[in-house]
Amino acid sequence: MTNITKKLTKNKTRKPNKKSRYHHGDLQVSLIKAATLLITNAGVENLSLRKLAEKVGVSRTAAYHHFKDKNDLLCAIATQGFIKWQAQSKAIFDDDKLSNEMKFRQFVHAYVKFATDNPCLYDLMFGRIIWKEAKSTQALREVAYPIFQYQVEMTKIWQKKGIMPNTENTLRLAQVTWGTLHGIARLSIDGIYENTSNIEEMCECAVKLFLT
C-alpha cells in the first residue's frame, strides 16, 4: 500500500472530533442549552463565552461566531425562556375543556411555578441585567413584548365574559395582575417564603381577588 493510500484510509477511519460534530444551527442550540445550565448552577456572573466554549467542546471563535458578546448570549437565553413560557401559557388559554375561570386560575399558578422552577432563568427574563440598562436585543424584544400583549388580549376577553372587572382599564389590569404574580414569584425566589403551601395559598388568594 502506498503512503498516499495509507493516508486516505487513515482519514476515512478517523473518528470526527467533538468540534466537527456540530452543524451551524445545532451548535447555537447547544450553546444556549449549556449556557442556561451554567447560569442555573453557577449564576450569570460566572458565565463567559470562553467557559461556555470549553463546556461544549468548541473553540472560542466558534462561540463568538454565534454571539458577539456575553449580553448577546444572555438575551438569547432569555428569548428561549420566553418561548418556553409562551408555550405553557398558550396551552392553558387554548384548552377548550377549561372554563374561563379555570384558565385564569391555572395561568396564575403556572406563572409562579415557572418562575420558582427556573429562578435564574426568570431573573434573566425579567431582571435588571438586561432591561435596566436597556441591553435587550431586537430578537428578544420581538418575542418578549408580544407575550405580554397576549396577556392583555386575554384580560380583555375575560373582562368581556364578566370574570374580571370590566370597569378597569384593560392594560392597567393586565399590568397589575402581572405585577402581583411577579411579586409572589419574587417572594419565593428570594427565600422570603419558602413553604410551597404558602405560595400556593397566595396564588389562590390572587385568583379570588382578580375574579369578580
Protein backbone atom coordinates (compact mmCIF):
# COMPACT_ATOMS: atom_id res chain seq x y z
CA MET A 1 0.00 0.00 0.00
CA THR A 2 1.39 3.38 -0.98
CA ASN A 3 1.85 6.21 1.51
CA ILE A 4 -0.93 8.22 -0.17
CA THR A 5 -3.34 5.27 0.10
CA LYS A 6 -2.43 4.80 3.76
CA LYS A 7 -3.18 8.47 4.50
CA LEU A 8 -6.53 8.32 2.70
CA THR A 9 -7.50 5.16 4.57
CA LYS A 10 -6.49 6.69 7.89
CA ASN A 11 -8.54 9.82 7.23
CA LYS A 12 -11.62 7.77 6.36
CA THR A 13 -11.45 5.71 9.54
CA ARG A 14 -10.61 8.60 11.88
CA LYS A 15 -13.45 9.47 14.23
CA PRO A 16 -14.69 13.05 13.98
CA ASN A 17 -13.64 15.14 16.96
CA LYS A 18 -16.15 16.89 19.16
CA LYS A 19 -15.71 20.22 17.40
CA SER A 20 -16.66 18.82 14.00
CA ARG A 21 -19.92 17.20 15.09
CA TYR A 22 -21.95 20.39 15.17
CA HIS A 23 -23.83 21.90 12.27
CA HIS A 24 -24.42 25.65 12.32
CA GLY A 25 -27.89 25.52 13.91
CA ASP A 26 -27.06 22.63 16.22
CA LEU A 27 -24.14 24.49 17.77
CA GLN A 28 -26.21 27.58 18.55
CA VAL A 29 -28.87 25.46 20.26
CA SER A 30 -26.20 23.52 22.18
CA LEU A 31 -24.51 26.73 23.31
CA ILE A 32 -27.78 28.17 24.63
CA LYS A 33 -28.67 24.95 26.44
CA ALA A 34 -25.22 24.70 28.01
CA ALA A 35 -25.25 28.39 28.97
CA THR A 36 -28.66 28.00 30.61
CA LEU A 37 -27.32 25.11 32.66
CA LEU A 38 -24.22 27.11 33.61
CA ILE A 39 -26.17 30.10 34.93
CA THR A 40 -28.52 27.74 36.77
CA ASN A 41 -25.62 26.08 38.57
CA ALA A 42 -23.19 28.96 38.96
CA GLY A 43 -25.04 32.22 38.28
CA VAL A 44 -24.85 34.75 35.46
CA GLU A 45 -21.70 36.35 36.84
CA ASN A 46 -19.75 33.13 36.26
CA LEU A 47 -20.81 32.75 32.64
CA SER A 48 -18.39 33.65 29.86
CA LEU A 49 -18.11 32.69 26.22
CA ARG A 50 -14.72 31.15 26.96
CA LYS A 51 -16.13 28.88 29.70
CA LEU A 52 -19.11 28.07 27.53
CA ALA A 53 -16.93 27.07 24.58
CA GLU A 54 -14.89 24.79 26.82
CA LYS A 55 -18.05 23.23 28.25
CA VAL A 56 -19.47 22.46 24.81
CA GLY A 57 -16.11 21.45 23.39
CA VAL A 58 -15.68 24.02 20.64
CA SER A 59 -13.28 26.88 20.04
CA ARG A 60 -13.95 30.37 21.37
CA THR A 61 -14.07 31.53 17.78
CA ALA A 62 -16.98 29.18 17.11
CA ALA A 63 -18.89 30.57 20.10
CA TYR A 64 -18.24 34.18 19.04
CA HIS A 65 -19.50 33.30 15.58
CA HIS A 66 -22.98 32.90 17.11
CA PHE A 67 -22.88 35.51 19.89
CA LYS A 68 -20.95 38.76 19.62
CA ASP A 69 -20.62 39.12 23.40
CA LYS A 70 -21.98 37.92 26.73
CA ASN A 71 -25.01 40.22 26.59
CA ASP A 72 -25.96 38.81 23.20
CA LEU A 73 -25.79 35.32 24.70
CA LEU A 74 -27.84 36.30 27.76
CA CYS A 75 -30.54 37.79 25.53
CA ALA A 76 -30.64 34.56 23.53
CA ILE A 77 -31.11 32.56 26.75
CA ALA A 78 -33.89 34.90 27.89
CA THR A 79 -35.55 34.61 24.48
CA GLN A 80 -35.73 30.85 24.84
CA GLY A 81 -37.18 31.31 28.32
CA PHE A 82 -39.97 33.49 26.95
CA ILE A 83 -40.67 30.98 24.20
CA LYS A 84 -40.90 28.21 26.79
CA TRP A 85 -43.29 30.22 28.96
CA GLN A 86 -45.37 31.27 25.96
CA ALA A 87 -45.92 27.62 25.04
CA GLN A 88 -47.11 26.83 28.57
CA SER A 89 -49.48 29.79 28.84
CA LYS A 90 -50.89 29.28 25.35
CA ALA A 91 -51.64 25.63 26.16
CA ILE A 92 -53.76 26.86 29.09
CA PHE A 93 -55.58 29.57 27.15
CA ASP A 94 -56.28 27.26 24.20
CA ASP A 95 -57.64 24.39 26.30
CA ASP A 96 -61.35 24.26 25.39
CA LYS A 97 -62.02 21.81 28.22
CA LEU A 98 -61.33 24.50 30.82
CA SER A 99 -63.77 27.20 31.89
CA ASN A 100 -62.55 30.80 31.71
CA GLU A 101 -62.27 30.90 35.48
CA MET A 102 -60.16 27.73 35.49
CA LYS A 103 -57.96 29.09 32.70
CA PHE A 104 -57.19 32.15 34.79
CA ARG A 105 -56.59 30.04 37.90
CA GLN A 106 -54.20 27.72 36.06
CA PHE A 107 -52.44 30.69 34.47
CA VAL A 108 -51.77 32.25 37.88
CA HIS A 109 -50.41 29.04 39.40
CA ALA A 110 -48.43 28.14 36.26
CA TYR A 111 -46.76 31.56 36.11
CA VAL A 112 -45.49 31.39 39.67
CA LYS A 113 -44.44 27.75 39.28
CA PHE A 114 -42.49 28.56 36.11
CA ALA A 115 -40.66 31.33 37.97
CA THR A 116 -39.87 29.23 41.04
CA ASP A 117 -38.83 26.20 38.98
CA ASN A 118 -36.47 28.34 36.87
CA PRO A 119 -35.26 31.11 39.21
CA CYS A 120 -32.04 32.00 37.37
CA LEU A 121 -33.77 31.98 34.01
CA TYR A 122 -36.65 34.03 35.41
CA ASP A 123 -34.21 36.58 36.83
CA LEU A 124 -32.68 36.92 33.40
CA MET A 125 -36.04 37.22 31.65
CA PHE A 126 -37.43 39.91 33.94
CA GLY A 127 -34.44 41.28 35.86
CA ARG A 128 -32.22 44.32 35.69
CA ILE A 129 -29.29 42.58 33.94
CA ILE A 130 -30.93 43.06 30.55
CA TRP A 131 -33.78 45.55 31.00
CA LYS A 132 -32.41 48.09 33.48
CA GLU A 133 -29.55 49.11 31.21
CA ALA A 134 -31.63 48.83 28.02
CA LYS A 135 -29.46 45.99 26.74
CA SER A 136 -32.20 43.90 25.18
CA THR A 137 -31.66 42.76 21.61
CA GLN A 138 -34.21 43.17 18.85
CA ALA A 139 -34.69 39.40 18.72
CA LEU A 140 -35.53 39.33 22.44
CA ARG A 141 -37.98 42.23 22.20
CA GLU A 142 -39.74 40.61 19.26
CA VAL A 143 -40.51 37.61 21.47
CA ALA A 144 -41.00 39.21 24.90
CA TYR A 145 -43.32 42.10 24.03
CA PRO A 146 -45.97 40.06 22.16
CA ILE A 147 -46.19 37.64 25.10
CA PHE A 148 -47.34 40.42 27.43
CA GLN A 149 -49.64 41.74 24.70
CA TYR A 150 -51.16 38.26 24.56
CA GLN A 151 -51.92 38.52 28.28
CA VAL A 152 -53.53 41.93 27.68
CA GLU A 153 -55.74 40.39 24.98
CA MET A 154 -56.74 37.54 27.30
CA THR A 155 -57.53 40.07 30.05
CA LYS A 156 -59.83 41.91 27.64
CA ILE A 157 -61.60 38.65 26.80
CA TRP A 158 -62.02 37.84 30.50
CA GLN A 159 -63.46 41.31 31.07
CA LYS A 160 -65.97 40.85 28.25
CA LYS A 161 -67.01 37.49 29.68
CA GLY A 162 -67.54 39.08 33.08
CA ILE A 163 -64.96 37.13 35.07
CA MET A 164 -62.67 40.14 35.58
CA PRO A 165 -63.73 43.71 36.42
CA ASN A 166 -64.79 45.40 33.18
CA THR A 167 -64.71 48.86 34.76
CA GLU A 168 -60.92 48.85 34.88
CA ASN A 169 -58.58 49.83 32.05
CA THR A 170 -57.53 46.58 30.34
CA LEU A 171 -53.84 47.44 30.08
CA ARG A 172 -53.61 48.57 33.70
CA LEU A 173 -55.49 45.50 34.91
CA ALA A 174 -53.11 43.24 32.98
CA GLN A 175 -50.12 45.13 34.41
CA VAL A 176 -51.42 44.87 37.98
CA THR A 177 -52.14 41.17 37.51
CA TRP A 178 -48.62 40.62 36.21
CA GLY A 179 -47.15 42.76 39.00
CA THR A 180 -48.97 40.68 41.61
CA LEU A 181 -47.75 37.39 40.18
CA HIS A 182 -44.22 38.76 39.80
CA GLY A 183 -44.28 39.82 43.44
CA ILE A 184 -45.41 36.40 44.62
CA ALA A 185 -42.73 34.76 42.49
CA ARG A 186 -40.04 37.03 43.91
CA LEU A 187 -41.09 36.29 47.49
CA SER A 188 -40.40 32.63 46.78
CA ILE A 189 -37.24 33.07 44.69
CA ASP A 190 -35.67 35.45 47.22
CA GLY A 191 -36.36 32.98 50.04
CA ILE A 192 -38.77 35.18 51.96
CA TYR A 193 -41.44 32.50 51.68
CA GLU A 194 -40.00 29.04 51.06
CA ASN A 195 -43.02 26.97 52.04
CA THR A 196 -44.76 25.79 48.87
CA SER A 197 -48.17 25.77 50.52
CA ASN A 198 -47.82 29.46 51.41
CA ILE A 199 -47.07 30.33 47.78
CA GLU A 200 -50.00 28.26 46.52
CA GLU A 201 -52.34 29.94 49.01
CA MET A 202 -51.13 33.38 47.88
CA CYS A 203 -51.78 32.40 44.26
CA GLU A 204 -55.27 31.26 45.15
CA CYS A 205 -55.89 34.50 47.04
CA ALA A 206 -54.81 36.46 43.95
CA VAL A 207 -57.24 34.46 41.81
CA LYS A 208 -60.14 35.26 44.14
CA LEU A 209 -59.24 38.96 44.27
CA PHE A 210 -58.99 39.40 40.50
CA LEU A 211 -62.02 37.32 39.54
CA THR A 212 -65.30 39.15 40.02
